[in-house]
Amino acid sequence: APAATNNGAAVATQPTTTTALSLSSATEAAPFTQGPRVIRDEPPIVYVYDHCPFCVRVRLALGIMNVKHNVHFLGNDDIATPTKLVGKKISPIFAIPEDGLVMMESLDIIEKIDQDERFGVSGQIQPATGRSDIKAWQKSVQTLLRTLQRPRYVATGLLPEFQQLDGRHAFIKNHQLPPYEKPEWKGDGTDDNPGMPMDEKLKLYAEAMAKDPAPLLEDLNSKLIELDDLVYSKHFCSEGGLSMDDIDLWARLRSITIIKDVEWPAKLRAYMDNLSALGDVPLYDEMAL
């Protein structure tokens, strides 16, 4: 039980700890040192889709900063809840009940958390460093990952936003598979371009899931080797410490773990495991397809 309170937040009395795999050498980059647990009387709430990397950014940042928060998973077809909160269907949404504050946009949310002393010391997560090499890598795998990940999100039936058929169909309706582009998949609401029929979309998702993934896995494994060379250490991706580079990169890489038989380079796999534990955001390995 917490022994003291500060501005309405309970602060745990146990010493700070580090969450990371054992260091292999004394010269290796030191892992992030997590601060004391912060528990508000009314914890903040994040409204998210589990697969959404922008939502994962916020969950990861809150976890790293050791802030107790409640996670509200939205059904993918749920339009009413986010619309009531912020006026449109979007995620993530962040709420601080004690303030009556509700806001959106992942980077704005993280900035708010960082600047609010009720949630711990400011600056725990360093600013982004402008890693154009990592951004270029992300762009280079966009089509590959859409092809592999999107059918698996809905095929598992295990992600909370896809527990019901309507949620799965809402995702398929709005998320094209390569080589199709969004305008030809969704249409523009006119008679001239009504979009692809839903039956055809369902067929394409089923075919993508049934297709032998081996050639795509070979490409992905090669790309992960490239990324392994770009990642600074198993604790953070950029020299200098844990930063917003990690918040963005890890949030995007997490969904790769839904793909079965991916071959992760050792350092990159350790990076994934370390930040999963540190941020208290699980990976998908146990449900991979």
C-alpha atoms as a PDB file:
ATOM      1  CA  ALA A   1       0.000   0.000   0.000  1.00  0.00           C
ATOM      2  CA  PRO A   2       1.252   3.532  -0.685  1.00  0.00           C
ATOM      3  CA  ALA A   3       2.727   5.325   2.319  1.00  0.00           C
ATOM      4  CA  ALA A   4       2.300   8.912   1.200  1.00  0.00           C
ATOM      5  CA  THR A   5       0.194  11.065  -1.074  1.00  0.00           C
ATOM      6  CA  ASN A   6       1.184  13.989  -3.247  1.00  0.00           C
ATOM      7  CA  ASN A   7      -1.447  16.174  -4.912  1.00  0.00           C
ATOM      8  CA  GLY A   8      -3.938  13.357  -4.646  1.00  0.00           C
ATOM      9  CA  ALA A   9      -1.557  10.765  -6.071  1.00  0.00           C
ATOM     10  CA  ALA A  10      -0.373   7.789  -4.087  1.00  0.00           C
ATOM     11  CA  VAL A  11       3.351   7.232  -4.483  1.00  0.00           C
ATOM     12  CA  ALA A  12       4.671   3.737  -3.843  1.00  0.00           C
ATOM     13  CA  THR A  13       7.390   3.424  -1.217  1.00  0.00           C
ATOM     14  CA  GLN A  14       9.380   0.629  -2.851  1.00  0.00           C
ATOM     15  CA  PRO A  15      12.713   1.638  -4.442  1.00  0.00           C
ATOM     16  CA  THR A  16      12.835   2.429  -8.134  1.00  0.00           C
ATOM     17  CA  THR A  17      13.564  -0.507 -10.375  1.00  0.00           C
ATOM     18  CA  THR A  18      14.821  -1.150 -13.863  1.00  0.00           C
ATOM     19  CA  THR A  19      12.836  -3.334 -16.210  1.00  0.00           C
ATOM     20  CA  ALA A  20      15.097  -4.907 -18.785  1.00  0.00           C
ATOM     21  CA  LEU A  21      16.977  -8.041 -19.635  1.00  0.00           C
ATOM     22  CA  SER A  22      20.282  -8.607 -17.848  1.00  0.00           C
ATOM     23  CA  LEU A  23      23.111  -6.537 -19.236  1.00  0.00           C
ATOM     24  CA  SER A  24      25.587  -8.594 -21.215  1.00  0.00           C
ATOM     25  CA  SER A  25      28.539  -6.349 -20.399  1.00  0.00           C
ATOM     26  CA  ALA A  26      29.473  -3.458 -18.172  1.00  0.00           C
ATOM     27  CA  THR A  27      29.980  -1.206 -21.187  1.00  0.00           C
ATOM     28  CA  GLU A  28      26.500  -1.767 -22.641  1.00  0.00           C
ATOM     29  CA  ALA A  29      24.016   1.108 -22.623  1.00  0.00           C
ATOM     30  CA  ALA A  30      22.214   1.270 -19.284  1.00  0.00           C
ATOM     31  CA  PRO A  31      18.459   0.579 -19.308  1.00  0.00           C
ATOM     32  CA  PHE A  32      15.851   3.180 -18.429  1.00  0.00           C
ATOM     33  CA  THR A  33      15.287   3.582 -14.691  1.00  0.00           C
ATOM     34  CA  GLN A  34      11.591   3.712 -13.936  1.00  0.00           C
ATOM     35  CA  GLY A  35      10.293   6.104 -11.295  1.00  0.00           C
ATOM     36  CA  PRO A  36       7.859   5.359  -8.453  1.00  0.00           C
ATOM     37  CA  ARG A  37       4.325   4.238  -9.169  1.00  0.00           C
ATOM     38  CA  VAL A  38       1.827   7.098  -9.583  1.00  0.00           C
ATOM     39  CA  ILE A  39      -1.768   6.275  -8.660  1.00  0.00           C
ATOM     40  CA  ARG A  40      -4.360   9.017  -8.811  1.00  0.00           C
ATOM     41  CA  ASP A  41      -7.582   8.729  -6.823  1.00  0.00           C
ATOM     42  CA  GLU A  42      -9.309   8.830 -10.222  1.00  0.00           C
ATOM     43  CA  PRO A  43      -6.888   7.255 -12.712  1.00  0.00           C
ATOM     44  CA  PRO A  44      -6.746   8.688 -16.236  1.00  0.00           C
ATOM     45  CA  ILE A  45      -8.521   6.730 -18.953  1.00  0.00           C
ATOM     46  CA  VAL A  46      -7.320   5.904 -22.452  1.00  0.00           C
ATOM     47  CA  TYR A  47      -9.855   4.896 -25.105  1.00  0.00           C
ATOM     48  CA  VAL A  48      -8.075   2.781 -27.694  1.00  0.00           C
ATOM     49  CA  TYR A  49      -8.015   0.075 -30.324  1.00  0.00           C
ATOM     50  CA  ASP A  50      -5.493  -2.549 -29.290  1.00  0.00           C
ATOM     51  CA  HIS A  51      -3.848  -2.809 -32.731  1.00  0.00           C
ATOM     52  CA  CYS A  52      -3.589   0.949 -33.318  1.00  0.00           C
ATOM     53  CA  PRO A  53       0.042   2.177 -33.124  1.00  0.00           C
ATOM     54  CA  PHE A  54      -1.034   5.698 -32.172  1.00  0.00           C
ATOM     55  CA  CYS A  55      -2.968   4.226 -29.236  1.00  0.00           C
ATOM     56  CA  VAL A  56       0.020   2.090 -28.292  1.00  0.00           C
ATOM     57  CA  ARG A  57       2.178   5.220 -28.170  1.00  0.00           C
ATOM     58  CA  VAL A  58       0.045   6.577 -25.313  1.00  0.00           C
ATOM     59  CA  ARG A  59      -0.208   3.262 -23.470  1.00  0.00           C
ATOM     60  CA  LEU A  60       3.552   2.751 -23.735  1.00  0.00           C
ATOM     61  CA  ALA A  61       4.352   6.266 -22.494  1.00  0.00           C
ATOM     62  CA  LEU A  62       2.003   5.926 -19.520  1.00  0.00           C
ATOM     63  CA  GLY A  63       3.524   2.559 -18.682  1.00  0.00           C
ATOM     64  CA  ILE A  64       7.090   3.815 -18.927  1.00  0.00           C
ATOM     65  CA  MET A  65       6.214   6.749 -16.664  1.00  0.00           C
ATOM     66  CA  ASN A  66       4.637   4.230 -14.267  1.00  0.00           C
ATOM     67  CA  VAL A  67       1.250   5.977 -14.232  1.00  0.00           C
ATOM     68  CA  LYS A  68      -1.699   3.812 -13.267  1.00  0.00           C
ATOM     69  CA  HIS A  69      -4.383   4.208 -15.924  1.00  0.00           C
ATOM     70  CA  ASN A  70      -7.531   2.484 -17.090  1.00  0.00           C
ATOM     71  CA  VAL A  71      -7.733   1.168 -20.649  1.00  0.00           C
ATOM     72  CA  HIS A  72     -11.112   1.249 -22.405  1.00  0.00           C
ATOM     73  CA  PHE A  73     -11.014  -0.814 -25.581  1.00  0.00           C
ATOM     74  CA  LEU A  74     -13.422   0.448 -28.226  1.00  0.00           C
ATOM     75  CA  GLY A  75     -15.168  -1.867 -30.646  1.00  0.00           C
ATOM     76  CA  ASN A  76     -13.999  -1.069 -34.162  1.00  0.00           C
ATOM     77  CA  ASP A  77     -17.582  -0.364 -35.189  1.00  0.00           C
ATOM     78  CA  ASP A  78     -18.305   1.819 -32.145  1.00  0.00           C
ATOM     79  CA  ILE A  79     -18.975   5.292 -33.495  1.00  0.00           C
ATOM     80  CA  ALA A  80     -21.163   6.549 -30.644  1.00  0.00           C
ATOM     81  CA  THR A  81     -18.599   6.430 -27.811  1.00  0.00           C
ATOM     82  CA  PRO A  82     -15.786   8.452 -29.406  1.00  0.00           C
ATOM     83  CA  THR A  83     -18.284  10.818 -31.008  1.00  0.00           C
ATOM     84  CA  LYS A  84     -19.813  11.536 -27.605  1.00  0.00           C
ATOM     85  CA  LEU A  85     -16.340  12.176 -26.171  1.00  0.00           C
ATOM     86  CA  VAL A  86     -14.672  14.269 -28.909  1.00  0.00           C
ATOM     87  CA  GLY A  87     -17.173  14.672 -31.733  1.00  0.00           C
ATOM     88  CA  LYS A  88     -15.899  12.015 -34.136  1.00  0.00           C
ATOM     89  CA  LYS A  89     -14.680   8.427 -34.482  1.00  0.00           C
ATOM     90  CA  ILE A  90     -10.987   8.584 -33.603  1.00  0.00           C
ATOM     91  CA  SER A  91      -8.471   7.026 -31.269  1.00  0.00           C
ATOM     92  CA  PRO A  92      -6.693   7.353 -28.947  1.00  0.00           C
ATOM     93  CA  ILE A  93      -8.759   9.510 -26.631  1.00  0.00           C
ATOM     94  CA  PHE A  94      -7.387  10.499 -23.228  1.00  0.00           C
ATOM     95  CA  ALA A  95      -9.473  11.544 -20.242  1.00  0.00           C
ATOM     96  CA  ILE A  96      -8.497  12.944 -16.837  1.00  0.00           C
ATOM     97  CA  PRO A  97     -11.743  12.500 -14.866  1.00  0.00           C
ATOM     98  CA  GLU A  98     -10.696  14.719 -11.964  1.00  0.00           C
ATOM     99  CA  ASP A  99     -10.272  17.650 -14.367  1.00  0.00           C
ATOM    100  CA  GLY A 100     -13.128  16.843 -16.730  1.00  0.00           C
ATOM    101  CA  LEU A 101     -10.498  16.904 -19.504  1.00  0.00           C
ATOM    102  CA  VAL A 102     -10.932  14.876 -22.676  1.00  0.00           C
ATOM    103  CA  MET A 103      -8.443  15.166 -25.534  1.00  0.00           C
ATOM    104  CA  MET A 104      -7.165  13.364 -28.627  1.00  0.00           C
ATOM    105  CA  GLU A 105      -3.967  13.115 -30.753  1.00  0.00           C
ATOM    106  CA  SER A 106      -1.332  10.779 -29.335  1.00  0.00           C
ATOM    107  CA  LEU A 107       1.619  13.183 -29.307  1.00  0.00           C
ATOM    108  CA  ASP A 108      -0.445  15.938 -27.676  1.00  0.00           C
ATOM    109  CA  ILE A 109      -1.613  13.462 -25.048  1.00  0.00           C
ATOM    110  CA  ILE A 110       1.939  12.370 -24.235  1.00  0.00           C
ATOM    111  CA  GLU A 111       3.055  15.998 -24.016  1.00  0.00           C
ATOM    112  CA  LYS A 112       0.195  16.712 -21.596  1.00  0.00           C
ATOM    113  CA  ILE A 113       1.154  13.770 -19.384  1.00  0.00           C
ATOM    114  CA  ASP A 114       4.819  14.762 -19.420  1.00  0.00           C
ATOM    115  CA  GLN A 115       4.115  18.367 -18.434  1.00  0.00           C
ATOM    116  CA  ASP A 116       1.677  17.545 -15.613  1.00  0.00           C
ATOM    117  CA  GLU A 117       3.587  17.123 -12.340  1.00  0.00           C
ATOM    118  CA  ARG A 118       0.781  14.967 -10.959  1.00  0.00           C
ATOM    119  CA  PHE A 119       2.038  12.217 -13.289  1.00  0.00           C
ATOM    120  CA  GLY A 120       5.673  12.357 -12.210  1.00  0.00           C
ATOM    121  CA  VAL A 121       8.833  14.190 -13.144  1.00  0.00           C
ATOM    122  CA  SER A 122       8.788  15.959 -16.514  1.00  0.00           C
ATOM    123  CA  GLY A 123      11.228  14.885 -19.209  1.00  0.00           C
ATOM    124  CA  GLN A 124      11.441  11.193 -18.357  1.00  0.00           C
ATOM    125  CA  ILE A 125      11.050  10.414 -22.049  1.00  0.00           C
ATOM    126  CA  GLN A 126      13.492  12.416 -24.132  1.00  0.00           C
ATOM    127  CA  PRO A 127      12.397  14.291 -27.296  1.00  0.00           C
ATOM    128  CA  ALA A 128      12.550  12.691 -30.733  1.00  0.00           C
ATOM    129  CA  THR A 129      15.951  12.915 -32.376  1.00  0.00           C
ATOM    130  CA  GLY A 130      14.854  13.078 -36.000  1.00  0.00           C
ATOM    131  CA  ARG A 131      15.835   9.568 -37.087  1.00  0.00           C
ATOM    132  CA  SER A 132      15.270   9.865 -40.828  1.00  0.00           C
ATOM    133  CA  ASP A 133      16.888   6.446 -41.296  1.00  0.00           C
ATOM    134  CA  ILE A 134      14.259   4.755 -39.139  1.00  0.00           C
ATOM    135  CA  LYS A 135      11.466   6.717 -40.839  1.00  0.00           C
ATOM    136  CA  ALA A 136      12.777   5.564 -44.221  1.00  0.00           C
ATOM    137  CA  TRP A 137      12.820   1.968 -42.984  1.00  0.00           C
ATOM    138  CA  GLN A 138       9.224   2.266 -41.769  1.00  0.00           C
ATOM    139  CA  LYS A 139       8.140   3.566 -45.160  1.00  0.00           C
ATOM    140  CA  SER A 140       9.980   0.745 -46.933  1.00  0.00           C
ATOM    141  CA  VAL A 141       7.934  -1.943 -45.121  1.00  0.00           C
ATOM    142  CA  GLN A 142       4.527  -0.253 -45.200  1.00  0.00           C
ATOM    143  CA  THR A 143       3.041  -2.330 -48.026  1.00  0.00           C
ATOM    144  CA  LEU A 144       4.621  -5.547 -46.735  1.00  0.00           C
ATOM    145  CA  LEU A 145       3.227  -5.082 -43.241  1.00  0.00           C
ATOM    146  CA  ARG A 146      -0.235  -4.095 -44.414  1.00  0.00           C
ATOM    147  CA  THR A 147      -0.372  -7.295 -46.453  1.00  0.00           C
ATOM    148  CA  LEU A 148       0.647  -9.489 -43.529  1.00  0.00           C
ATOM    149  CA  GLN A 149      -0.867  -7.717 -40.523  1.00  0.00           C
ATOM    150  CA  ARG A 150      -4.300  -6.542 -41.590  1.00  0.00           C
ATOM    151  CA  PRO A 151      -5.782  -9.984 -42.368  1.00  0.00           C
ATOM    152  CA  ARG A 152      -4.329 -11.352 -39.113  1.00  0.00           C
ATOM    153  CA  TYR A 153      -5.827  -8.608 -36.969  1.00  0.00           C
ATOM    154  CA  VAL A 154      -9.326  -9.732 -37.863  1.00  0.00           C
ATOM    155  CA  ALA A 155      -8.614 -13.442 -38.385  1.00  0.00           C
ATOM    156  CA  THR A 156      -7.594 -13.997 -34.754  1.00  0.00           C
ATOM    157  CA  GLY A 157     -10.935 -12.765 -33.432  1.00  0.00           C
ATOM    158  CA  LEU A 158      -9.053 -12.160 -30.168  1.00  0.00           C
ATOM    159  CA  LEU A 159      -8.267  -8.451 -30.261  1.00  0.00           C
ATOM    160  CA  PRO A 160     -10.890  -6.592 -28.211  1.00  0.00           C
ATOM    161  CA  GLU A 161     -11.959  -4.292 -31.056  1.00  0.00           C
ATOM    162  CA  PHE A 162     -12.608  -7.345 -33.236  1.00  0.00           C
ATOM    163  CA  GLN A 163     -14.401  -9.598 -30.750  1.00  0.00           C
ATOM    164  CA  GLN A 164     -17.654  -9.172 -32.676  1.00  0.00           C
ATOM    165  CA  LEU A 165     -18.375  -9.666 -36.357  1.00  0.00           C
ATOM    166  CA  ASP A 166     -19.532  -6.067 -36.830  1.00  0.00           C
ATOM    167  CA  GLY A 167     -16.160  -4.827 -35.560  1.00  0.00           C
ATOM    168  CA  ARG A 168     -14.251  -7.086 -37.941  1.00  0.00           C
ATOM    169  CA  HIS A 169     -16.401  -6.061 -40.889  1.00  0.00           C
ATOM    170  CA  ALA A 170     -16.017  -2.367 -40.034  1.00  0.00           C
ATOM    171  CA  PHE A 171     -12.234  -2.753 -40.225  1.00  0.00           C
ATOM    172  CA  ILE A 172     -12.306  -4.683 -43.500  1.00  0.00           C
ATOM    173  CA  LYS A 173     -14.678  -2.130 -45.002  1.00  0.00           C
ATOM    174  CA  ASN A 174     -12.299   0.748 -44.322  1.00  0.00           C
ATOM    175  CA  HIS A 175      -8.803  -0.762 -44.601  1.00  0.00           C
ATOM    176  CA  GLN A 176      -7.575  -1.695 -48.032  1.00  0.00           C
ATOM    177  CA  LEU A 177      -5.179  -4.506 -48.827  1.00  0.00           C
ATOM    178  CA  PRO A 178      -2.286  -3.930 -51.250  1.00  0.00           C
ATOM    179  CA  PRO A 179      -2.158  -3.325 -54.139  1.00  0.00           C
ATOM    180  CA  TYR A 180      -5.448  -1.452 -53.780  1.00  0.00           C
ATOM    181  CA  GLU A 181      -5.429   2.188 -52.748  1.00  0.00           C
ATOM    182  CA  LYS A 182      -7.945   3.755 -50.385  1.00  0.00           C
ATOM    183  CA  PRO A 183     -10.014   5.592 -53.054  1.00  0.00           C
ATOM    184  CA  GLU A 184     -10.733   2.422 -55.026  1.00  0.00           C
ATOM    185  CA  TRP A 185     -11.353   0.375 -51.848  1.00  0.00           C
ATOM    186  CA  LYS A 186     -13.599   2.793 -49.936  1.00  0.00           C
ATOM    187  CA  GLY A 187     -14.890   4.972 -52.743  1.00  0.00           C
ATOM    188  CA  ASP A 188     -15.764   8.622 -52.296  1.00  0.00           C
ATOM    189  CA  GLY A 189     -19.484   8.390 -51.633  1.00  0.00           C
ATOM    190  CA  THR A 190     -20.493   9.211 -55.198  1.00  0.00           C
ATOM    191  CA  ASP A 191     -22.321   7.076 -57.736  1.00  0.00           C
ATOM    192  CA  ASP A 192     -19.243   7.208 -59.972  1.00  0.00           C
ATOM    193  CA  ASN A 193     -17.000   5.750 -57.268  1.00  0.00           C
ATOM    194  CA  PRO A 194     -19.031   3.777 -54.716  1.00  0.00           C
ATOM    195  CA  GLY A 195     -16.036   1.690 -53.688  1.00  0.00           C
ATOM    196  CA  MET A 196     -15.478  -2.042 -53.786  1.00  0.00           C
ATOM    197  CA  PRO A 197     -18.438  -4.276 -52.833  1.00  0.00           C
ATOM    198  CA  MET A 198     -18.164  -5.685 -49.327  1.00  0.00           C
ATOM    199  CA  ASP A 199     -18.338  -9.277 -50.568  1.00  0.00           C
ATOM    200  CA  GLU A 200     -15.241  -8.669 -52.680  1.00  0.00           C
ATOM    201  CA  LYS A 201     -13.384  -7.139 -49.718  1.00  0.00           C
ATOM    202  CA  LEU A 202     -14.189 -10.143 -47.553  1.00  0.00           C
ATOM    203  CA  LYS A 203     -12.987 -12.468 -50.296  1.00  0.00           C
ATOM    204  CA  LEU A 204      -9.684 -10.603 -50.653  1.00  0.00           C
ATOM    205  CA  TYR A 205      -9.056 -10.709 -46.892  1.00  0.00           C
ATOM    206  CA  ALA A 206      -9.777 -14.453 -46.823  1.00  0.00           C
ATOM    207  CA  GLU A 207      -7.470 -15.064 -49.788  1.00  0.00           C
ATOM    208  CA  ALA A 208      -4.692 -13.021 -48.192  1.00  0.00           C
ATOM    209  CA  MET A 209      -4.981 -15.061 -45.006  1.00  0.00           C
ATOM    210  CA  ALA A 210      -4.962 -18.370 -46.905  1.00  0.00           C
ATOM    211  CA  LYS A 211      -1.953 -17.490 -49.048  1.00  0.00           C
ATOM    212  CA  ASP A 212       1.443 -19.009 -48.214  1.00  0.00           C
ATOM    213  CA  PRO A 213       3.265 -16.230 -46.326  1.00  0.00           C
ATOM    214  CA  ALA A 214       6.753 -17.687 -46.873  1.00  0.00           C
ATOM    215  CA  PRO A 215       7.923 -15.237 -49.585  1.00  0.00           C
ATOM    216  CA  LEU A 216       6.683 -12.240 -47.613  1.00  0.00           C
ATOM    217  CA  LEU A 217       8.234 -13.591 -44.412  1.00  0.00           C
ATOM    218  CA  GLU A 218      11.565 -13.890 -46.168  1.00  0.00           C
ATOM    219  CA  ASP A 219      11.347 -10.229 -47.163  1.00  0.00           C
ATOM    220  CA  LEU A 220      10.293  -9.204 -43.667  1.00  0.00           C
ATOM    221  CA  ASN A 221      13.084 -11.140 -41.996  1.00  0.00           C
ATOM    222  CA  SER A 222      15.614  -9.380 -44.226  1.00  0.00           C
ATOM    223  CA  LYS A 223      14.132  -5.991 -43.375  1.00  0.00           C
ATOM    224  CA  LEU A 224      14.328  -6.752 -39.656  1.00  0.00           C
ATOM    225  CA  ILE A 225      18.039  -7.457 -40.019  1.00  0.00           C
ATOM    226  CA  GLU A 226      18.379  -4.009 -41.583  1.00  0.00           C
ATOM    227  CA  LEU A 227      16.503  -2.456 -38.669  1.00  0.00           C
ATOM    228  CA  ASP A 228      18.587  -4.333 -36.120  1.00  0.00           C
ATOM    229  CA  ASP A 229      21.611  -2.452 -37.427  1.00  0.00           C
ATOM    230  CA  LEU A 230      19.796   0.873 -36.938  1.00  0.00           C
ATOM    231  CA  VAL A 231      18.729   0.225 -33.335  1.00  0.00           C
ATOM    232  CA  TYR A 232      21.321   1.505 -30.862  1.00  0.00           C
ATOM    233  CA  SER A 233      20.760  -0.987 -28.052  1.00  0.00           C
ATOM    234  CA  LYS A 234      18.296  -3.463 -26.616  1.00  0.00           C
ATOM    235  CA  HIS A 235      17.018  -0.706 -24.305  1.00  0.00           C
ATOM    236  CA  PHE A 236      16.475   2.211 -26.698  1.00  0.00           C
ATOM    237  CA  CYS A 237      16.785   2.779 -30.416  1.00  0.00           C
ATOM    238  CA  SER A 238      18.748   6.055 -30.422  1.00  0.00           C
ATOM    239  CA  GLU A 239      21.961   6.927 -28.644  1.00  0.00           C
ATOM    240  CA  GLY A 240      21.362   9.066 -25.572  1.00  0.00           C
ATOM    241  CA  GLY A 241      18.549   7.188 -23.892  1.00  0.00           C
ATOM    242  CA  LEU A 242      14.888   6.332 -24.141  1.00  0.00           C
ATOM    243  CA  SER A 243      13.087   8.884 -26.287  1.00  0.00           C
ATOM    244  CA  MET A 244      10.049   9.572 -28.398  1.00  0.00           C
ATOM    245  CA  ASP A 245      11.899   7.675 -31.117  1.00  0.00           C
ATOM    246  CA  ASP A 246      11.170   4.547 -29.072  1.00  0.00           C
ATOM    247  CA  ILE A 247       7.566   5.494 -28.395  1.00  0.00           C
ATOM    248  CA  ASP A 248       6.915   5.666 -32.128  1.00  0.00           C
ATOM    249  CA  LEU A 249       9.109   2.795 -33.318  1.00  0.00           C
ATOM    250  CA  TRP A 250       8.075   0.215 -30.728  1.00  0.00           C
ATOM    251  CA  ALA A 251       4.402   1.081 -31.148  1.00  0.00           C
ATOM    252  CA  ARG A 252       4.694   0.282 -34.849  1.00  0.00           C
ATOM    253  CA  LEU A 253       6.838  -2.841 -34.443  1.00  0.00           C
ATOM    254  CA  ARG A 254       4.508  -4.412 -31.885  1.00  0.00           C
ATOM    255  CA  SER A 255       2.014  -5.500 -34.536  1.00  0.00           C
ATOM    256  CA  ILE A 256       4.679  -7.571 -36.291  1.00  0.00           C
ATOM    257  CA  THR A 257       4.418 -10.022 -33.397  1.00  0.00           C
ATOM    258  CA  ILE A 258       0.979 -11.061 -34.664  1.00  0.00           C
ATOM    259  CA  ILE A 259       2.753 -12.679 -37.626  1.00  0.00           C
ATOM    260  CA  LYS A 260       3.853 -16.263 -36.956  1.00  0.00           C
ATOM    261  CA  ASP A 261       7.384 -17.521 -37.723  1.00  0.00           C
ATOM    262  CA  VAL A 262       9.039 -14.115 -37.950  1.00  0.00           C
ATOM    263  CA  GLU A 263      12.782 -14.400 -37.315  1.00  0.00           C
ATOM    264  CA  TRP A 264      13.832 -11.567 -35.022  1.00  0.00           C
ATOM    265  CA  PRO A 265      17.499 -10.588 -34.756  1.00  0.00           C
ATOM    266  CA  ALA A 266      18.684 -10.972 -31.151  1.00  0.00           C
ATOM    267  CA  LYS A 267      19.108  -7.300 -30.275  1.00  0.00           C
ATOM    268  CA  LEU A 268      15.822  -6.264 -31.855  1.00  0.00           C
ATOM    269  CA  ARG A 269      13.922  -9.081 -30.149  1.00  0.00           C
ATOM    270  CA  ALA A 270      15.408  -8.077 -26.788  1.00  0.00           C
ATOM    271  CA  TYR A 271      14.367  -4.486 -27.520  1.00  0.00           C
ATOM    272  CA  MET A 272      10.789  -5.613 -28.147  1.00  0.00           C
ATOM    273  CA  ASP A 273      10.669  -7.670 -24.942  1.00  0.00           C
ATOM    274  CA  ASN A 274      12.293  -5.002 -22.788  1.00  0.00           C
ATOM    275  CA  LEU A 275       9.933  -2.200 -23.778  1.00  0.00           C
ATOM    276  CA  SER A 276       6.927  -4.516 -23.538  1.00  0.00           C
ATOM    277  CA  ALA A 277       7.819  -5.207 -19.903  1.00  0.00           C
ATOM    278  CA  LEU A 278       8.781  -1.622 -19.129  1.00  0.00           C
ATOM    279  CA  GLY A 279       5.616  -0.142 -20.641  1.00  0.00           C
ATOM    280  CA  ASP A 280       3.292  -2.952 -19.514  1.00  0.00           C
ATOM    281  CA  VAL A 281       1.957  -3.440 -23.045  1.00  0.00           C
ATOM    282  CA  PRO A 282       1.863  -7.096 -24.114  1.00  0.00           C
ATOM    283  CA  LEU A 283       3.061  -8.453 -27.414  1.00  0.00           C
ATOM    284  CA  TYR A 284       1.015 -10.727 -29.691  1.00  0.00           C
ATOM    285  CA  ASP A 285       3.317 -13.768 -29.845  1.00  0.00           C
ATOM    286  CA  GLU A 286       0.847 -16.109 -28.172  1.00  0.00           C
ATOM    287  CA  MET A 287      -1.872 -15.396 -30.755  1.00  0.00           C
ATOM    288  CA  ALA A 288       0.352 -15.104 -33.833  1.00  0.00           C
ATOM    289  CA  LEU A 289      -0.998 -16.529 -37.101  1.00  0.00           C
END
